[in-house]
């Protein structure tokens, strides 16, 4: 697997964090209505692309640097990243439940609007693109790299 330079990694990391930041900025408050549409929606594909680029950089770096290491290191990486992903998703779920409850209480528009548009609703942008899902995706790269190293050794 080709090594990835630190400049490329830092650049993609900066762009992915910037996309997540702007998606969070474009999420409007619950008691407001926007006539401009969902400004964060065009950033969804960019955020996903740059997040996948960061995941690839981490995967390639892990694989190239730690491929010959003992299996116990890879198992430890797998266990720790599984715990990290579980914690991130539990926080993300809690944030989702709290946000929906807040929206139902103080919503300026009907909640059927949220049900009709789902993830495209402007009030729900930061439920899907937030720090918890970002950390979970980055942890997933380490999890996949550790699993790949363990499975590749068996073959």
N, C-alpha and C. Protein backbone atom coordinates (compact mmCIF):
# COMPACT_ATOMS: atom_id res chain seq x y z
N UNK A 1 0.85 -1.17 0.00
CA UNK A 1 0.00 0.00 0.00
C UNK A 1 0.90 1.24 0.00
N UNK A 2 0.50 2.21 -0.77
CA UNK A 2 1.29 3.43 -0.92
C UNK A 2 1.24 4.27 0.34
N UNK A 3 2.38 4.83 0.71
CA UNK A 3 2.41 5.69 1.88
C UNK A 3 1.81 7.06 1.54
N UNK A 4 1.28 7.69 2.53
CA UNK A 4 0.63 8.99 2.36
C UNK A 4 1.47 10.02 3.09
N UNK A 5 1.75 11.14 2.43
CA UNK A 5 2.56 12.17 3.06
C UNK A 5 1.76 12.90 4.13
N UNK A 6 2.47 13.48 5.07
CA UNK A 6 1.81 14.21 6.15
C UNK A 6 1.14 15.46 5.65
N UNK A 7 1.67 16.04 4.58
CA UNK A 7 1.05 17.24 4.01
C UNK A 7 -0.33 16.91 3.46
N UNK A 8 -0.44 15.80 2.75
CA UNK A 8 -1.73 15.39 2.20
C UNK A 8 -2.69 15.07 3.33
N UNK A 9 -2.20 14.37 4.35
CA UNK A 9 -3.05 14.02 5.48
C UNK A 9 -3.55 15.28 6.19
N UNK A 10 -2.67 16.21 6.49
CA UNK A 10 -3.07 17.44 7.19
C UNK A 10 -4.05 18.26 6.35
N UNK A 11 -3.82 18.30 5.04
CA UNK A 11 -4.71 19.05 4.15
C UNK A 11 -6.10 18.44 4.13
N UNK A 12 -6.20 17.11 3.98
CA UNK A 12 -7.52 16.47 3.96
C UNK A 12 -8.19 16.54 5.33
N UNK A 13 -7.40 16.44 6.40
CA UNK A 13 -7.96 16.57 7.74
C UNK A 13 -8.53 17.96 7.95
N UNK A 14 -7.80 18.98 7.54
CA UNK A 14 -8.27 20.36 7.66
C UNK A 14 -9.54 20.59 6.84
N UNK A 15 -9.58 20.08 5.62
CA UNK A 15 -10.77 20.26 4.79
C UNK A 15 -11.98 19.51 5.34
N UNK A 16 -11.76 18.32 5.87
CA UNK A 16 -12.89 17.58 6.42
C UNK A 16 -13.43 18.24 7.68
N UNK A 17 -12.55 18.73 8.53
CA UNK A 17 -13.00 19.44 9.74
C UNK A 17 -13.71 20.73 9.36
N UNK A 18 -13.22 21.42 8.34
CA UNK A 18 -13.85 22.64 7.87
C UNK A 18 -15.27 22.37 7.35
N UNK A 19 -15.43 21.29 6.59
CA UNK A 19 -16.77 20.94 6.09
C UNK A 19 -17.72 20.66 7.25
N UNK A 20 -17.26 19.88 8.24
CA UNK A 20 -18.10 19.59 9.39
C UNK A 20 -18.43 20.87 10.16
N UNK A 21 -17.47 21.78 10.26
CA UNK A 21 -17.69 23.04 10.95
C UNK A 21 -18.76 23.87 10.25
N UNK A 22 -18.67 23.98 8.92
CA UNK A 22 -19.65 24.78 8.19
C UNK A 22 -21.03 24.13 8.19
N UNK A 23 -21.10 22.81 8.19
CA UNK A 23 -22.40 22.16 8.30
C UNK A 23 -23.02 22.50 9.65
N UNK A 24 -22.21 22.52 10.69
CA UNK A 24 -22.70 22.89 12.01
C UNK A 24 -23.13 24.36 12.05
N UNK A 25 -22.39 25.23 11.39
CA UNK A 25 -22.73 26.66 11.34
C UNK A 25 -24.06 26.87 10.62
N UNK A 26 -24.30 26.11 9.53
CA UNK A 26 -25.51 26.29 8.74
C UNK A 26 -26.74 25.62 9.33
N UNK A 27 -26.59 24.93 10.44
CA UNK A 27 -27.75 24.37 11.13
C UNK A 27 -28.39 25.49 11.93
N UNK A 28 -29.64 25.79 11.63
CA UNK A 28 -30.27 26.92 12.29
C UNK A 28 -30.92 26.49 13.60
N UNK A 29 -31.19 27.46 14.43
CA UNK A 29 -31.78 27.21 15.74
C UNK A 29 -33.22 26.71 15.58
N UNK A 30 -33.72 26.12 16.64
CA UNK A 30 -35.04 25.48 16.57
C UNK A 30 -36.18 26.48 16.45
N UNK A 31 -36.01 27.68 16.94
CA UNK A 31 -37.11 28.64 16.89
C UNK A 31 -37.01 29.58 15.69
N UNK A 32 -36.20 29.24 14.70
CA UNK A 32 -36.05 30.05 13.50
C UNK A 32 -36.46 29.24 12.28
N UNK A 33 -36.80 29.95 11.24
CA UNK A 33 -37.13 29.34 9.96
C UNK A 33 -36.26 30.01 8.91
N UNK A 34 -35.73 29.24 7.99
CA UNK A 34 -34.89 29.79 6.94
C UNK A 34 -35.64 29.77 5.61
N UNK A 35 -35.58 30.87 4.91
CA UNK A 35 -36.18 30.93 3.58
C UNK A 35 -35.17 30.63 2.49
N UNK A 36 -33.92 30.39 2.88
CA UNK A 36 -32.86 30.16 1.91
C UNK A 36 -32.63 28.69 1.62
N UNK A 37 -33.37 27.82 2.21
CA UNK A 37 -33.13 26.40 2.02
C UNK A 37 -32.03 25.91 2.94
N UNK A 38 -31.61 24.71 2.74
CA UNK A 38 -30.59 24.10 3.58
C UNK A 38 -29.21 24.38 2.99
N UNK A 39 -28.50 25.34 3.55
CA UNK A 39 -27.19 25.73 3.03
C UNK A 39 -26.12 24.68 3.33
N UNK A 40 -26.35 23.83 4.31
CA UNK A 40 -25.38 22.78 4.62
C UNK A 40 -25.48 21.58 3.73
N UNK A 41 -26.58 21.43 3.01
CA UNK A 41 -26.80 20.25 2.16
C UNK A 41 -25.74 20.07 1.07
N UNK A 42 -25.30 21.13 0.38
CA UNK A 42 -24.25 20.94 -0.62
C UNK A 42 -22.90 20.50 -0.02
N UNK A 43 -22.72 20.70 1.27
CA UNK A 43 -21.46 20.31 1.91
C UNK A 43 -21.44 18.84 2.31
N UNK A 44 -22.59 18.16 2.30
CA UNK A 44 -22.63 16.74 2.67
C UNK A 44 -21.67 15.89 1.83
N UNK A 45 -21.73 15.97 0.48
CA UNK A 45 -20.80 15.14 -0.31
C UNK A 45 -19.34 15.49 -0.07
N UNK A 46 -19.05 16.79 0.08
CA UNK A 46 -17.66 17.19 0.34
C UNK A 46 -17.18 16.65 1.68
N UNK A 47 -18.02 16.75 2.71
CA UNK A 47 -17.64 16.23 4.03
C UNK A 47 -17.39 14.74 3.97
N UNK A 48 -18.25 14.02 3.27
CA UNK A 48 -18.06 12.56 3.15
C UNK A 48 -16.78 12.24 2.38
N UNK A 49 -16.53 12.95 1.29
CA UNK A 49 -15.33 12.69 0.48
C UNK A 49 -14.06 12.94 1.29
N UNK A 50 -13.98 14.08 1.95
CA UNK A 50 -12.77 14.40 2.70
C UNK A 50 -12.62 13.50 3.93
N UNK A 51 -13.73 13.09 4.52
CA UNK A 51 -13.66 12.15 5.63
C UNK A 51 -13.14 10.79 5.15
N UNK A 52 -13.59 10.34 3.99
CA UNK A 52 -13.07 9.09 3.42
C UNK A 52 -11.58 9.22 3.08
N UNK A 53 -11.16 10.39 2.63
CA UNK A 53 -9.74 10.61 2.34
C UNK A 53 -8.91 10.54 3.62
N UNK A 54 -9.41 11.12 4.70
CA UNK A 54 -8.71 11.03 5.99
C UNK A 54 -8.66 9.58 6.46
N UNK A 55 -9.76 8.87 6.30
CA UNK A 55 -9.79 7.46 6.70
C UNK A 55 -8.78 6.65 5.90
N UNK A 56 -8.68 6.91 4.59
CA UNK A 56 -7.70 6.20 3.77
C UNK A 56 -6.28 6.52 4.22
N UNK A 57 -6.01 7.79 4.50
CA UNK A 57 -4.67 8.18 4.96
C UNK A 57 -4.30 7.47 6.25
N UNK A 58 -5.24 7.41 7.19
CA UNK A 58 -4.97 6.74 8.46
C UNK A 58 -4.80 5.23 8.27
N UNK A 59 -5.64 4.65 7.42
CA UNK A 59 -5.54 3.22 7.14
C UNK A 59 -4.18 2.88 6.53
N UNK A 60 -3.77 3.65 5.52
CA UNK A 60 -2.50 3.38 4.84
C UNK A 60 -1.32 3.59 5.78
N UNK A 61 -1.37 4.62 6.60
CA UNK A 61 -0.29 4.88 7.54
C UNK A 61 -0.19 3.77 8.57
N UNK A 62 -1.31 3.36 9.12
CA UNK A 62 -1.32 2.26 10.10
C UNK A 62 -0.77 0.99 9.46
N UNK A 63 -1.26 0.68 8.27
CA UNK A 63 -0.84 -0.55 7.62
C UNK A 63 0.65 -0.54 7.30
N UNK A 64 1.17 0.57 6.82
CA UNK A 64 2.59 0.62 6.45
C UNK A 64 3.51 0.64 7.66
N UNK A 65 3.12 1.30 8.72
CA UNK A 65 4.00 1.43 9.89
C UNK A 65 3.91 0.23 10.83
N UNK A 66 2.75 -0.38 10.95
CA UNK A 66 2.56 -1.40 11.98
C UNK A 66 2.23 -2.78 11.43
N UNK A 67 2.45 -3.00 10.16
CA UNK A 67 2.08 -4.29 9.57
C UNK A 67 2.89 -5.45 10.15
N UNK A 68 4.17 -5.27 10.40
CA UNK A 68 5.02 -6.34 10.89
C UNK A 68 5.01 -6.50 12.40
N UNK A 69 4.25 -5.74 13.10
CA UNK A 69 4.20 -5.78 14.57
C UNK A 69 3.46 -7.01 15.07
N UNK A 70 3.59 -7.30 16.36
CA UNK A 70 2.90 -8.47 16.92
C UNK A 70 1.38 -8.36 16.79
N UNK A 71 0.74 -9.51 16.73
CA UNK A 71 -0.70 -9.58 16.58
C UNK A 71 -1.43 -8.94 17.76
N UNK A 72 -0.83 -8.98 18.93
CA UNK A 72 -1.48 -8.43 20.13
C UNK A 72 -1.72 -6.92 19.98
N UNK A 73 -0.80 -6.23 19.33
CA UNK A 73 -0.97 -4.80 19.09
C UNK A 73 -2.20 -4.55 18.22
N UNK A 74 -2.39 -5.36 17.20
CA UNK A 74 -3.54 -5.21 16.32
C UNK A 74 -4.85 -5.53 17.05
N UNK A 75 -4.82 -6.56 17.89
CA UNK A 75 -6.01 -6.91 18.67
C UNK A 75 -6.35 -5.79 19.64
N UNK A 76 -5.34 -5.21 20.26
CA UNK A 76 -5.56 -4.09 21.18
C UNK A 76 -6.15 -2.89 20.42
N UNK A 77 -5.64 -2.63 19.22
CA UNK A 77 -6.19 -1.55 18.40
C UNK A 77 -7.64 -1.82 18.07
N UNK A 78 -7.97 -3.05 17.73
CA UNK A 78 -9.35 -3.41 17.39
C UNK A 78 -10.27 -3.21 18.58
N UNK A 79 -9.84 -3.67 19.76
CA UNK A 79 -10.68 -3.55 20.95
C UNK A 79 -10.88 -2.09 21.34
N UNK A 80 -9.81 -1.31 21.35
CA UNK A 80 -9.92 0.10 21.74
C UNK A 80 -10.77 0.91 20.76
N UNK A 81 -10.63 0.64 19.48
CA UNK A 81 -11.45 1.38 18.52
C UNK A 81 -12.91 0.96 18.58
N UNK A 82 -13.18 -0.30 18.87
CA UNK A 82 -14.58 -0.72 19.05
C UNK A 82 -15.21 0.00 20.24
N UNK A 83 -14.46 0.11 21.31
CA UNK A 83 -14.95 0.84 22.48
C UNK A 83 -15.16 2.32 22.13
N UNK A 84 -14.21 2.90 21.41
CA UNK A 84 -14.34 4.31 21.01
C UNK A 84 -15.54 4.55 20.11
N UNK A 85 -15.79 3.64 19.17
CA UNK A 85 -16.93 3.78 18.28
C UNK A 85 -18.24 3.64 19.06
N UNK A 86 -18.29 2.69 19.98
CA UNK A 86 -19.51 2.50 20.79
C UNK A 86 -19.79 3.74 21.64
N UNK A 87 -18.76 4.31 22.24
CA UNK A 87 -18.95 5.52 23.05
C UNK A 87 -19.42 6.69 22.18
N UNK A 88 -18.80 6.87 21.02
CA UNK A 88 -19.20 7.96 20.13
C UNK A 88 -20.64 7.81 19.67
N UNK A 89 -21.04 6.60 19.31
CA UNK A 89 -22.41 6.40 18.86
C UNK A 89 -23.42 6.56 19.99
N UNK A 90 -23.02 6.22 21.21
CA UNK A 90 -23.95 6.44 22.33
C UNK A 90 -24.13 7.93 22.58
N UNK A 91 -23.05 8.70 22.50
CA UNK A 91 -23.19 10.16 22.64
C UNK A 91 -24.00 10.75 21.49
N UNK A 92 -23.76 10.25 20.26
CA UNK A 92 -24.51 10.75 19.11
C UNK A 92 -25.99 10.43 19.24
N UNK A 93 -26.31 9.24 19.74
CA UNK A 93 -27.72 8.87 19.93
C UNK A 93 -28.37 9.76 20.98
N UNK A 94 -27.64 10.02 22.06
CA UNK A 94 -28.18 10.89 23.11
C UNK A 94 -28.42 12.30 22.56
N UNK A 95 -27.48 12.79 21.77
CA UNK A 95 -27.65 14.11 21.17
C UNK A 95 -28.86 14.12 20.24
N UNK A 96 -29.04 13.05 19.50
CA UNK A 96 -30.18 12.95 18.58
C UNK A 96 -31.50 13.00 19.35
N UNK A 97 -31.60 12.21 20.41
CA UNK A 97 -32.83 12.17 21.20
C UNK A 97 -33.12 13.54 21.82
N UNK A 98 -32.09 14.18 22.38
CA UNK A 98 -32.28 15.49 23.00
C UNK A 98 -32.67 16.55 21.97
N UNK A 99 -32.07 16.48 20.79
CA UNK A 99 -32.35 17.47 19.74
C UNK A 99 -33.79 17.32 19.22
N UNK A 100 -34.23 16.09 19.02
CA UNK A 100 -35.60 15.87 18.56
C UNK A 100 -36.59 16.35 19.61
N UNK A 101 -36.31 16.08 20.89
CA UNK A 101 -37.21 16.56 21.96
C UNK A 101 -37.24 18.09 21.99
N UNK A 102 -36.09 18.71 21.81
CA UNK A 102 -36.03 20.17 21.78
C UNK A 102 -36.80 20.73 20.58
N UNK A 103 -36.66 20.08 19.44
CA UNK A 103 -37.36 20.54 18.25
C UNK A 103 -38.88 20.41 18.40
N UNK A 104 -39.32 19.35 19.05
CA UNK A 104 -40.76 19.17 19.23
C UNK A 104 -41.34 20.21 20.18
N UNK A 105 -40.53 20.70 21.13
CA UNK A 105 -41.02 21.68 22.08
C UNK A 105 -41.02 23.10 21.53
N UNK A 106 -39.94 23.48 20.85
CA UNK A 106 -39.77 24.88 20.47
C UNK A 106 -39.76 25.11 18.97
N UNK A 107 -40.29 24.20 18.22
CA UNK A 107 -40.22 24.30 16.76
C UNK A 107 -41.09 25.43 16.23
N UNK A 108 -40.51 26.24 15.35
CA UNK A 108 -41.25 27.35 14.76
C UNK A 108 -42.15 26.86 13.63
N UNK A 109 -41.78 25.74 13.02
CA UNK A 109 -42.61 25.16 11.97
C UNK A 109 -43.12 23.81 12.45
N UNK A 110 -43.99 23.23 11.70
CA UNK A 110 -44.58 21.96 12.07
C UNK A 110 -43.53 20.85 12.06
N UNK A 111 -43.66 19.91 12.97
CA UNK A 111 -42.70 18.80 13.01
C UNK A 111 -42.93 17.82 11.87
N UNK A 112 -44.06 17.92 11.16
CA UNK A 112 -44.25 17.07 9.99
C UNK A 112 -43.27 17.44 8.89
N UNK A 113 -42.80 18.69 8.92
CA UNK A 113 -41.78 19.11 7.96
C UNK A 113 -40.51 18.29 8.15
N UNK A 114 -40.13 18.07 9.41
CA UNK A 114 -38.95 17.25 9.70
C UNK A 114 -39.16 15.82 9.25
N UNK A 115 -40.35 15.29 9.46
CA UNK A 115 -40.63 13.91 9.08
C UNK A 115 -40.66 13.76 7.57
N UNK A 116 -41.11 14.78 6.86
CA UNK A 116 -41.15 14.71 5.40
C UNK A 116 -39.76 14.77 4.78
N UNK A 117 -38.90 15.60 5.33
CA UNK A 117 -37.58 15.80 4.74
C UNK A 117 -36.47 14.99 5.42
N UNK A 118 -36.68 14.56 6.63
CA UNK A 118 -35.72 13.72 7.33
C UNK A 118 -34.36 14.35 7.44
N UNK A 119 -33.34 13.67 6.92
CA UNK A 119 -31.96 14.14 7.06
C UNK A 119 -31.69 15.39 6.25
N UNK A 120 -32.57 15.77 5.34
CA UNK A 120 -32.37 16.98 4.55
C UNK A 120 -32.87 18.23 5.26
N UNK A 121 -33.54 18.08 6.37
CA UNK A 121 -34.08 19.22 7.10
C UNK A 121 -32.95 20.08 7.66
N UNK A 122 -33.11 21.38 7.56
CA UNK A 122 -32.06 22.31 7.98
C UNK A 122 -31.84 22.30 9.49
N UNK A 123 -32.82 21.88 10.26
CA UNK A 123 -32.68 21.84 11.70
C UNK A 123 -31.91 20.61 12.17
N UNK A 124 -31.69 19.65 11.29
CA UNK A 124 -31.07 18.38 11.67
C UNK A 124 -29.68 18.17 11.09
N UNK A 125 -29.08 19.18 10.49
CA UNK A 125 -27.76 19.02 9.88
C UNK A 125 -26.72 18.46 10.85
N UNK A 126 -26.62 19.06 12.02
CA UNK A 126 -25.55 18.66 12.92
C UNK A 126 -25.86 17.40 13.71
N UNK A 127 -26.98 16.76 13.44
CA UNK A 127 -27.23 15.45 14.06
C UNK A 127 -26.46 14.36 13.35
N UNK A 128 -26.22 14.52 12.06
CA UNK A 128 -25.55 13.50 11.29
C UNK A 128 -24.08 13.83 11.05
N UNK A 129 -23.74 15.08 11.03
CA UNK A 129 -22.36 15.52 10.84
C UNK A 129 -21.95 16.29 12.08
N UNK A 130 -21.42 15.58 13.06
CA UNK A 130 -20.98 16.21 14.30
C UNK A 130 -19.68 15.56 14.75
N UNK A 131 -19.16 16.00 15.87
CA UNK A 131 -17.86 15.52 16.33
C UNK A 131 -17.89 14.03 16.66
N UNK A 132 -19.03 13.52 17.11
CA UNK A 132 -19.11 12.11 17.48
C UNK A 132 -19.06 11.21 16.24
N UNK A 133 -19.79 11.58 15.21
CA UNK A 133 -19.73 10.77 13.99
C UNK A 133 -18.37 10.89 13.32
N UNK A 134 -17.73 12.05 13.46
CA UNK A 134 -16.39 12.23 12.89
C UNK A 134 -15.38 11.32 13.59
N UNK A 135 -15.40 11.32 14.92
CA UNK A 135 -14.47 10.48 15.68
C UNK A 135 -14.76 9.00 15.42
N UNK A 136 -16.03 8.65 15.30
CA UNK A 136 -16.38 7.26 15.01
C UNK A 136 -15.87 6.83 13.64
N UNK A 137 -15.96 7.70 12.66
CA UNK A 137 -15.47 7.36 11.32
C UNK A 137 -13.95 7.23 11.30
N UNK A 138 -13.27 8.12 11.99
CA UNK A 138 -11.81 8.03 12.07
C UNK A 138 -11.39 6.76 12.82
N UNK A 139 -12.12 6.42 13.87
CA UNK A 139 -11.84 5.19 14.60
C UNK A 139 -12.10 3.97 13.74
N UNK A 140 -13.10 4.06 12.88
CA UNK A 140 -13.40 2.96 11.97
C UNK A 140 -12.21 2.67 11.05
N UNK A 141 -11.48 3.70 10.66
CA UNK A 141 -10.29 3.48 9.82
C UNK A 141 -9.25 2.65 10.56
N UNK A 142 -9.03 2.95 11.85
CA UNK A 142 -8.09 2.16 12.63
C UNK A 142 -8.61 0.74 12.85
N UNK A 143 -9.90 0.60 13.05
CA UNK A 143 -10.49 -0.72 13.24
C UNK A 143 -10.30 -1.57 11.98
N UNK A 144 -10.58 -1.01 10.83
CA UNK A 144 -10.42 -1.75 9.59
C UNK A 144 -8.96 -2.08 9.30
N UNK A 145 -8.06 -1.15 9.62
CA UNK A 145 -6.63 -1.41 9.42
C UNK A 145 -6.15 -2.53 10.33
N UNK A 146 -6.58 -2.52 11.58
CA UNK A 146 -6.19 -3.58 12.49
C UNK A 146 -6.74 -4.93 12.06
N UNK A 147 -8.00 -4.95 11.65
CA UNK A 147 -8.59 -6.21 11.17
C UNK A 147 -7.88 -6.70 9.91
N UNK A 148 -7.56 -5.79 9.02
CA UNK A 148 -6.88 -6.17 7.78
C UNK A 148 -5.51 -6.78 8.07
N UNK A 149 -4.79 -6.19 9.01
CA UNK A 149 -3.46 -6.72 9.36
C UNK A 149 -3.58 -8.11 9.99
N UNK A 150 -4.57 -8.30 10.85
CA UNK A 150 -4.75 -9.61 11.49
C UNK A 150 -5.16 -10.66 10.47
N UNK A 151 -6.11 -10.33 9.60
CA UNK A 151 -6.57 -11.29 8.61
C UNK A 151 -5.49 -11.58 7.59
N UNK A 152 -4.74 -10.59 7.20
CA UNK A 152 -3.70 -10.79 6.20
C UNK A 152 -2.59 -11.69 6.72
N UNK A 153 -2.34 -11.66 8.02
CA UNK A 153 -1.31 -12.53 8.59
C UNK A 153 -1.73 -13.99 8.57
N UNK A 154 -3.02 -14.24 8.67
CA UNK A 154 -3.51 -15.62 8.68
C UNK A 154 -3.45 -16.25 7.31
N UNK A 155 -3.58 -15.45 6.27
CA UNK A 155 -3.60 -15.97 4.91
C UNK A 155 -2.22 -16.33 4.44
